[in-house]
N, C-alpha and C. Protein backbone atom coordinates (compact mmCIF):
# COMPACT_ATOMS: atom_id res chain seq x y z
N MET A 1 61.63 20.29 -38.59
CA MET A 1 62.51 20.35 -37.44
C MET A 1 63.00 21.79 -37.27
N ARG A 2 62.93 22.31 -36.08
CA ARG A 2 63.27 23.72 -35.82
C ARG A 2 64.75 24.00 -35.82
N PHE A 3 65.57 23.06 -35.33
CA PHE A 3 67.01 23.28 -35.22
C PHE A 3 67.76 22.12 -35.87
N PRO A 4 67.83 22.08 -37.18
CA PRO A 4 68.42 20.92 -37.85
C PRO A 4 69.90 20.69 -37.52
N ASP A 5 70.62 21.72 -37.11
CA ASP A 5 72.05 21.57 -36.80
C ASP A 5 72.32 21.46 -35.31
N ALA A 6 71.28 21.34 -34.52
CA ALA A 6 71.46 21.29 -33.06
C ALA A 6 72.12 19.98 -32.64
N GLU A 7 72.99 20.08 -31.66
CA GLU A 7 73.62 18.89 -31.09
C GLU A 7 72.70 18.34 -30.01
N ILE A 8 72.52 17.04 -30.01
CA ILE A 8 71.66 16.41 -29.02
C ILE A 8 72.54 15.88 -27.89
N ILE A 9 72.20 16.28 -26.68
CA ILE A 9 72.91 15.81 -25.50
C ILE A 9 71.91 15.04 -24.65
N THR A 10 72.27 13.83 -24.29
CA THR A 10 71.41 13.01 -23.45
C THR A 10 72.01 12.94 -22.06
N ILE A 11 71.19 13.19 -21.06
CA ILE A 11 71.63 13.12 -19.67
C ILE A 11 70.79 12.08 -18.97
N ASP A 12 71.43 11.08 -18.42
CA ASP A 12 70.74 10.06 -17.62
C ASP A 12 70.93 10.41 -16.16
N LEU A 13 69.84 10.43 -15.40
CA LEU A 13 69.91 10.67 -13.96
C LEU A 13 69.68 9.36 -13.24
N LEU A 14 70.54 9.05 -12.32
CA LEU A 14 70.44 7.83 -11.54
C LEU A 14 70.42 8.19 -10.07
N ARG A 15 69.39 7.76 -9.38
CA ARG A 15 69.33 7.98 -7.94
C ARG A 15 70.10 6.85 -7.27
N HIS A 16 70.70 7.16 -6.14
CA HIS A 16 71.47 6.15 -5.42
C HIS A 16 70.58 4.99 -4.98
N GLY A 17 71.20 3.85 -4.69
CA GLY A 17 70.48 2.71 -4.15
C GLY A 17 70.30 2.85 -2.65
N GLU A 18 69.87 1.78 -2.01
CA GLU A 18 69.59 1.78 -0.58
C GLU A 18 70.88 1.98 0.24
N PRO A 19 70.91 2.99 1.09
CA PRO A 19 72.07 3.17 1.96
C PRO A 19 72.00 2.24 3.18
N VAL A 20 73.13 2.11 3.84
CA VAL A 20 73.19 1.37 5.11
C VAL A 20 72.18 2.01 6.07
N GLY A 21 71.42 1.19 6.76
CA GLY A 21 70.43 1.71 7.71
C GLY A 21 69.01 1.68 7.18
N GLY A 22 68.84 1.34 5.90
CA GLY A 22 67.50 1.23 5.35
C GLY A 22 66.85 2.57 5.09
N ARG A 23 65.54 2.54 4.96
CA ARG A 23 64.78 3.73 4.58
C ARG A 23 64.67 4.71 5.73
N MET A 24 65.10 5.92 5.47
CA MET A 24 64.96 7.03 6.42
C MET A 24 65.23 8.32 5.68
N LEU A 25 64.90 9.41 6.31
CA LEU A 25 65.19 10.73 5.75
C LEU A 25 66.65 11.06 6.09
N ARG A 26 67.50 11.08 5.09
CA ARG A 26 68.92 11.30 5.32
C ARG A 26 69.34 12.73 5.05
N GLY A 27 68.83 13.32 4.00
CA GLY A 27 69.30 14.65 3.64
C GLY A 27 70.80 14.61 3.47
N SER A 28 71.51 15.38 4.28
CA SER A 28 72.96 15.46 4.16
C SER A 28 73.69 14.43 5.02
N THR A 29 72.97 13.60 5.77
CA THR A 29 73.62 12.55 6.55
C THR A 29 74.31 11.61 5.58
N ASP A 30 75.58 11.34 5.81
CA ASP A 30 76.42 10.69 4.81
C ASP A 30 76.62 9.21 5.09
N HIS A 31 75.67 8.39 4.66
CA HIS A 31 75.76 6.94 4.79
C HIS A 31 76.19 6.32 3.47
N PRO A 32 77.03 5.28 3.51
CA PRO A 32 77.39 4.57 2.29
C PRO A 32 76.25 3.66 1.84
N LEU A 33 76.37 3.13 0.64
CA LEU A 33 75.39 2.17 0.14
C LEU A 33 75.51 0.85 0.89
N SER A 34 74.38 0.19 1.08
CA SER A 34 74.37 -1.17 1.60
C SER A 34 74.73 -2.12 0.45
N GLU A 35 74.89 -3.40 0.76
CA GLU A 35 75.13 -4.38 -0.31
C GLU A 35 73.96 -4.38 -1.29
N ALA A 36 72.74 -4.31 -0.76
CA ALA A 36 71.56 -4.27 -1.64
C ALA A 36 71.59 -3.01 -2.50
N GLY A 37 72.01 -1.89 -1.93
CA GLY A 37 72.11 -0.63 -2.68
C GLY A 37 73.11 -0.71 -3.82
N TRP A 38 74.27 -1.33 -3.57
CA TRP A 38 75.26 -1.53 -4.64
C TRP A 38 74.66 -2.36 -5.76
N GLN A 39 73.94 -3.41 -5.40
CA GLN A 39 73.33 -4.26 -6.41
C GLN A 39 72.27 -3.50 -7.21
N GLN A 40 71.47 -2.67 -6.52
CA GLN A 40 70.44 -1.90 -7.20
C GLN A 40 71.02 -0.97 -8.26
N VAL A 41 72.04 -0.19 -7.89
CA VAL A 41 72.59 0.76 -8.86
C VAL A 41 73.41 0.06 -9.94
N THR A 42 74.09 -1.03 -9.58
CA THR A 42 74.82 -1.80 -10.59
C THR A 42 73.85 -2.35 -11.62
N ASP A 43 72.76 -2.96 -11.16
CA ASP A 43 71.75 -3.49 -12.08
C ASP A 43 71.18 -2.39 -12.98
N ALA A 44 70.89 -1.24 -12.40
CA ALA A 44 70.30 -0.13 -13.17
C ALA A 44 71.25 0.35 -14.26
N VAL A 45 72.52 0.48 -13.94
CA VAL A 45 73.49 0.98 -14.91
C VAL A 45 73.79 -0.08 -15.97
N MET A 46 73.93 -1.32 -15.57
CA MET A 46 74.32 -2.36 -16.51
C MET A 46 73.25 -2.64 -17.56
N GLN A 47 72.03 -2.19 -17.32
CA GLN A 47 70.99 -2.31 -18.35
C GLN A 47 71.35 -1.51 -19.60
N HIS A 48 72.22 -0.52 -19.43
CA HIS A 48 72.61 0.35 -20.55
C HIS A 48 73.90 -0.09 -21.22
N ALA A 49 74.58 -1.07 -20.66
CA ALA A 49 75.85 -1.52 -21.23
C ALA A 49 75.61 -2.27 -22.54
N VAL A 50 76.47 -1.97 -23.51
CA VAL A 50 76.42 -2.64 -24.81
C VAL A 50 77.82 -3.14 -25.10
N ASN A 51 77.96 -4.45 -25.27
CA ASN A 51 79.26 -5.06 -25.53
C ASN A 51 80.31 -4.64 -24.49
N GLY A 52 79.89 -4.59 -23.24
CA GLY A 52 80.82 -4.26 -22.16
C GLY A 52 81.17 -2.80 -22.03
N HIS A 53 80.46 -1.93 -22.76
CA HIS A 53 80.73 -0.50 -22.70
C HIS A 53 79.45 0.25 -22.32
N LEU A 54 79.63 1.35 -21.62
CA LEU A 54 78.49 2.20 -21.28
C LEU A 54 78.43 3.38 -22.26
N PRO A 55 77.24 3.84 -22.61
CA PRO A 55 77.11 4.93 -23.58
C PRO A 55 77.25 6.31 -22.94
N TYR A 56 78.22 6.47 -22.06
CA TYR A 56 78.41 7.73 -21.36
C TYR A 56 79.78 8.31 -21.68
N ASP A 57 79.85 9.63 -21.66
CA ASP A 57 81.13 10.33 -21.86
C ASP A 57 81.75 10.72 -20.53
N ALA A 58 80.91 10.88 -19.51
CA ALA A 58 81.41 11.32 -18.20
C ALA A 58 80.34 11.02 -17.15
N ILE A 59 80.77 11.10 -15.88
CA ILE A 59 79.89 10.90 -14.74
C ILE A 59 80.03 12.13 -13.85
N VAL A 60 78.90 12.67 -13.42
CA VAL A 60 78.88 13.77 -12.46
C VAL A 60 78.12 13.26 -11.25
N THR A 61 78.67 13.47 -10.05
CA THR A 61 78.07 12.88 -8.86
C THR A 61 78.02 13.86 -7.69
N SER A 62 77.10 13.58 -6.81
CA SER A 62 77.02 14.24 -5.51
C SER A 62 78.26 13.85 -4.70
N PRO A 63 78.68 14.67 -3.74
CA PRO A 63 79.82 14.31 -2.90
C PRO A 63 79.46 13.30 -1.80
N LEU A 64 78.17 13.02 -1.60
CA LEU A 64 77.78 12.10 -0.54
C LEU A 64 78.17 10.67 -0.90
N MET A 65 78.63 9.92 0.11
CA MET A 65 79.14 8.56 -0.10
C MET A 65 78.18 7.68 -0.88
N ARG A 66 76.89 7.78 -0.60
CA ARG A 66 75.92 6.89 -1.24
C ARG A 66 75.87 7.10 -2.75
N CYS A 67 76.38 8.20 -3.22
CA CYS A 67 76.47 8.47 -4.66
C CYS A 67 77.91 8.39 -5.15
N ARG A 68 78.79 9.09 -4.45
CA ARG A 68 80.18 9.25 -4.89
C ARG A 68 80.94 7.92 -5.02
N GLU A 69 80.79 7.03 -4.03
CA GLU A 69 81.56 5.79 -4.06
C GLU A 69 81.21 4.94 -5.28
N PHE A 70 79.93 4.86 -5.61
CA PHE A 70 79.54 4.09 -6.80
C PHE A 70 80.03 4.80 -8.06
N ALA A 71 79.89 6.11 -8.12
CA ALA A 71 80.32 6.86 -9.31
C ALA A 71 81.82 6.68 -9.55
N LEU A 72 82.61 6.72 -8.49
CA LEU A 72 84.06 6.54 -8.64
C LEU A 72 84.39 5.12 -9.11
N TRP A 73 83.69 4.14 -8.56
CA TRP A 73 83.90 2.76 -9.00
C TRP A 73 83.53 2.61 -10.48
N LEU A 74 82.38 3.18 -10.85
CA LEU A 74 81.90 3.08 -12.23
C LEU A 74 82.88 3.75 -13.19
N GLY A 75 83.37 4.92 -12.80
CA GLY A 75 84.33 5.62 -13.64
C GLY A 75 85.60 4.80 -13.85
N GLU A 76 86.07 4.19 -12.78
CA GLU A 76 87.28 3.36 -12.89
C GLU A 76 87.01 2.11 -13.71
N GLU A 77 85.89 1.48 -13.47
CA GLU A 77 85.54 0.24 -14.16
C GLU A 77 85.40 0.44 -15.67
N PHE A 78 84.85 1.59 -16.08
CA PHE A 78 84.58 1.84 -17.50
C PHE A 78 85.44 2.95 -18.09
N ASP A 79 86.48 3.35 -17.37
CA ASP A 79 87.42 4.36 -17.84
C ASP A 79 86.71 5.65 -18.26
N LEU A 80 85.86 6.14 -17.35
CA LEU A 80 85.12 7.38 -17.58
C LEU A 80 85.55 8.43 -16.57
N PRO A 81 85.66 9.69 -16.99
CA PRO A 81 85.99 10.74 -16.03
C PRO A 81 84.82 10.96 -15.06
N VAL A 82 85.16 11.24 -13.80
CA VAL A 82 84.14 11.47 -12.76
C VAL A 82 84.37 12.85 -12.17
N GLN A 83 83.32 13.64 -12.12
CA GLN A 83 83.37 14.95 -11.50
C GLN A 83 82.46 14.94 -10.28
N VAL A 84 83.01 15.30 -9.12
CA VAL A 84 82.22 15.41 -7.90
C VAL A 84 81.74 16.85 -7.82
N GLU A 85 80.43 17.01 -7.78
CA GLU A 85 79.81 18.34 -7.81
C GLU A 85 79.09 18.61 -6.49
N ASP A 86 79.64 19.51 -5.69
CA ASP A 86 79.06 19.80 -4.37
C ASP A 86 77.61 20.26 -4.44
N ASP A 87 77.24 20.94 -5.52
CA ASP A 87 75.86 21.45 -5.64
C ASP A 87 74.83 20.34 -5.85
N LEU A 88 75.29 19.10 -6.05
CA LEU A 88 74.35 17.98 -6.19
C LEU A 88 74.04 17.30 -4.85
N ALA A 89 74.67 17.75 -3.77
CA ALA A 89 74.39 17.17 -2.45
C ALA A 89 72.94 17.45 -2.07
N GLU A 90 72.34 16.52 -1.37
CA GLU A 90 70.95 16.71 -0.95
C GLU A 90 70.84 17.80 0.10
N LEU A 91 69.63 18.32 0.26
CA LEU A 91 69.35 19.35 1.25
C LEU A 91 69.51 18.80 2.67
N GLN A 92 69.92 19.64 3.56
CA GLN A 92 69.93 19.26 4.98
C GLN A 92 68.48 19.26 5.46
N LEU A 93 68.14 18.26 6.26
CA LEU A 93 66.76 18.10 6.70
C LEU A 93 66.57 18.38 8.20
N GLY A 94 67.50 19.09 8.80
CA GLY A 94 67.33 19.50 10.19
C GLY A 94 67.01 18.35 11.12
N GLN A 95 65.99 18.52 11.95
CA GLN A 95 65.60 17.51 12.93
C GLN A 95 65.02 16.25 12.30
N TRP A 96 64.73 16.29 11.01
CA TRP A 96 64.19 15.11 10.34
C TRP A 96 65.28 14.11 9.96
N GLU A 97 66.53 14.56 9.91
CA GLU A 97 67.63 13.68 9.49
C GLU A 97 67.69 12.43 10.37
N GLY A 98 67.78 11.28 9.73
CA GLY A 98 67.91 10.01 10.44
C GLY A 98 66.60 9.43 10.94
N LYS A 99 65.50 10.11 10.65
CA LYS A 99 64.19 9.61 11.10
C LYS A 99 63.42 9.04 9.91
N THR A 100 62.48 8.18 10.20
CA THR A 100 61.60 7.66 9.16
C THR A 100 60.46 8.65 8.95
N TYR A 101 59.74 8.49 7.83
CA TYR A 101 58.56 9.33 7.60
C TYR A 101 57.58 9.16 8.75
N ALA A 102 57.38 7.93 9.20
CA ALA A 102 56.43 7.67 10.28
C ALA A 102 56.82 8.42 11.55
N GLN A 103 58.10 8.48 11.87
CA GLN A 103 58.54 9.20 13.07
C GLN A 103 58.26 10.70 12.94
N VAL A 104 58.54 11.26 11.77
CA VAL A 104 58.28 12.70 11.56
C VAL A 104 56.78 12.97 11.62
N PHE A 105 55.98 12.11 10.98
CA PHE A 105 54.53 12.30 11.03
C PHE A 105 54.02 12.24 12.46
N ALA A 106 54.54 11.31 13.27
CA ALA A 106 54.10 11.17 14.66
C ALA A 106 54.47 12.40 15.48
N GLU A 107 55.62 12.99 15.20
CA GLU A 107 56.08 14.16 15.97
C GLU A 107 55.45 15.46 15.51
N GLU A 108 55.23 15.61 14.20
CA GLU A 108 54.80 16.90 13.67
C GLU A 108 53.49 16.86 12.90
N GLY A 109 52.97 15.70 12.62
CA GLY A 109 51.83 15.61 11.72
C GLY A 109 52.33 15.64 10.28
N THR A 110 51.41 15.64 9.35
CA THR A 110 51.80 15.55 7.94
C THR A 110 51.89 16.90 7.24
N GLU A 111 51.31 17.93 7.80
CA GLU A 111 51.19 19.20 7.09
C GLU A 111 52.55 19.82 6.74
N ARG A 112 53.47 19.89 7.69
CA ARG A 112 54.76 20.53 7.43
C ARG A 112 55.57 19.76 6.39
N MET A 113 55.58 18.43 6.49
CA MET A 113 56.35 17.65 5.53
C MET A 113 55.76 17.77 4.13
N ARG A 114 54.45 17.72 4.02
CA ARG A 114 53.81 17.87 2.70
C ARG A 114 54.14 19.25 2.11
N ALA A 115 54.09 20.27 2.95
CA ALA A 115 54.41 21.62 2.48
C ALA A 115 55.87 21.71 2.03
N PHE A 116 56.76 21.06 2.75
CA PHE A 116 58.18 21.06 2.39
C PHE A 116 58.38 20.40 1.02
N TRP A 117 57.81 19.21 0.82
CA TRP A 117 58.00 18.52 -0.46
C TRP A 117 57.35 19.29 -1.61
N HIS A 118 56.30 20.04 -1.32
CA HIS A 118 55.62 20.83 -2.35
C HIS A 118 56.45 22.07 -2.72
N ASP A 119 57.02 22.75 -1.72
CA ASP A 119 57.78 23.98 -1.98
C ASP A 119 58.87 24.16 -0.93
N PRO A 120 60.02 23.49 -1.10
CA PRO A 120 61.08 23.55 -0.08
C PRO A 120 61.68 24.95 0.10
N ALA A 121 61.48 25.85 -0.86
CA ALA A 121 61.98 27.21 -0.70
C ALA A 121 61.16 28.00 0.34
N LYS A 122 59.91 27.59 0.55
CA LYS A 122 59.04 28.31 1.47
C LYS A 122 58.92 27.64 2.85
N VAL A 123 59.06 26.32 2.90
CA VAL A 123 58.89 25.58 4.15
C VAL A 123 60.10 24.70 4.35
N SER A 124 60.70 24.78 5.52
CA SER A 124 61.87 23.94 5.79
C SER A 124 61.64 23.10 7.04
N PRO A 125 62.40 22.04 7.17
CA PRO A 125 62.34 21.25 8.42
C PRO A 125 62.80 22.11 9.59
N ARG A 126 62.41 21.72 10.77
CA ARG A 126 62.84 22.45 11.98
C ARG A 126 64.29 22.12 12.27
N TRP A 127 64.99 23.09 12.79
CA TRP A 127 66.40 22.91 13.14
C TRP A 127 66.50 22.84 14.63
């Protein structure tokens, strides 16, 4: 072992569940979770509960409702500190916000979107 005295830190990443309005490109559009979305993230987190406790020391969340509201509930439910981190907010998607993949493909073709997902620093949605 290279670092016998190293402290091990485990970070679990959880993506939000389904927001109100179903599947679409939201980016920074701030929709809350749907009932199905609440159930999805609750089920995902509760898989880690042991004897009614979660193995977490803290929760860090995006400021967007679809993440923040569940994180705040979870923190209160399990007495965990919650930090809202603005840098975890999703990218703004310009004219793609609120549209489905099919709508964007129909309007622009697939090349720009594929390029964006491959390297968002070089290719951005149209504004």
